[in-house]
Amino acid sequence: MLYGEYNIEDEIEVVREEVREETWNEATQERNTTIARNALVEGSTPEFIQKITGLDMKTIQELAGELKLNYR
């Protein structure tokens, strides 16, 4: 991009979209973690939780450890 083509409004919109995406990703991760915790408490298997949340097994095992559940 040439200096003369720079448009501050375009830059602002790009930054806004990046912030929206980051916020969405954080909210989705938080939601999936909450679902995983609840599912663990209810006795769901780590494999099932991984399937429905997309969380990796390490994260699920860490959550189980926090809840004092032994799925390792």
Protein backbone atom coordinates (compact mmCIF):
# COMPACT_ATOMS: atom_id res chain seq x y z
CA MET A 1 0.00 0.00 0.00
CA LEU A 2 1.29 3.41 -0.88
CA TYR A 3 1.30 6.11 1.77
CA GLY A 4 -1.23 8.15 -0.18
CA GLU A 5 -3.65 5.22 -0.16
CA TYR A 6 -3.69 4.87 3.63
CA ASN A 7 -7.15 5.27 5.09
CA ILE A 8 -7.54 5.55 8.87
CA GLU A 9 -11.17 4.40 8.73
CA ASP A 10 -10.08 1.16 7.05
CA GLU A 11 -7.44 0.63 9.72
CA ILE A 12 -9.98 1.25 12.48
CA GLU A 13 -12.37 -1.28 10.95
CA VAL A 14 -9.59 -3.88 10.71
CA VAL A 15 -8.71 -3.39 14.38
CA ARG A 16 -12.38 -3.58 15.39
CA GLU A 17 -12.79 -6.86 13.52
CA GLU A 18 -9.67 -8.29 15.18
CA VAL A 19 -11.01 -7.32 18.61
CA ARG A 20 -14.42 -8.86 17.81
CA GLU A 21 -12.79 -12.11 16.71
CA GLU A 22 -10.53 -12.26 19.78
CA THR A 23 -13.48 -11.58 22.10
CA TRP A 24 -15.54 -14.27 20.37
CA ASN A 25 -12.71 -16.80 20.69
CA GLU A 26 -12.27 -16.04 24.39
CA ALA A 27 -16.01 -16.33 25.05
CA THR A 28 -16.17 -19.62 23.15
CA GLN A 29 -13.22 -21.02 25.11
CA GLU A 30 -14.81 -19.95 28.40
CA ARG A 31 -18.14 -21.51 27.40
CA ASN A 32 -16.48 -24.79 26.41
CA THR A 33 -14.54 -24.89 29.67
CA THR A 34 -17.74 -24.39 31.64
CA ILE A 35 -19.47 -27.14 29.67
CA ALA A 36 -16.51 -29.46 30.29
CA ARG A 37 -16.52 -28.80 34.04
CA ASN A 38 -20.25 -29.45 34.26
CA ALA A 39 -19.98 -32.61 32.18
CA LEU A 40 -17.13 -33.92 34.33
CA VAL A 41 -19.15 -33.35 37.49
CA GLU A 42 -22.04 -35.26 35.92
CA GLY A 43 -19.75 -38.21 35.14
CA SER A 44 -19.19 -37.80 31.40
CA THR A 45 -16.08 -39.38 29.98
CA PRO A 46 -13.17 -37.19 28.87
CA GLU A 47 -13.54 -38.59 25.34
CA PHE A 48 -17.19 -37.48 25.17
CA ILE A 49 -16.30 -34.06 26.56
CA GLN A 50 -13.56 -33.68 23.97
CA LYS A 51 -16.04 -34.56 21.25
CA ILE A 52 -18.68 -32.02 22.31
CA THR A 53 -16.38 -29.14 23.27
CA GLY A 54 -13.36 -29.52 21.02
CA LEU A 55 -11.08 -29.07 24.02
CA ASP A 56 -7.84 -31.03 24.00
CA MET A 57 -7.44 -33.98 26.38
CA LYS A 58 -4.76 -32.21 28.41
CA THR A 59 -7.16 -29.35 29.23
CA ILE A 60 -9.92 -31.76 30.18
CA GLN A 61 -7.55 -33.71 32.44
CA GLU A 62 -6.43 -30.46 34.08
CA LEU A 63 -10.07 -29.56 34.73
CA ALA A 64 -10.67 -33.01 36.18
CA GLY A 65 -7.66 -32.52 38.43
CA GLU A 66 -9.02 -29.18 39.63
CA LEU A 67 -12.28 -30.93 40.45
CA LYS A 68 -10.38 -33.77 42.18
CA LEU A 69 -11.63 -36.32 39.65
CA ASN A 70 -9.32 -39.07 38.44
CA TYR A 71 -9.62 -39.74 34.70
CA ARG A 72 -5.93 -40.08 33.88
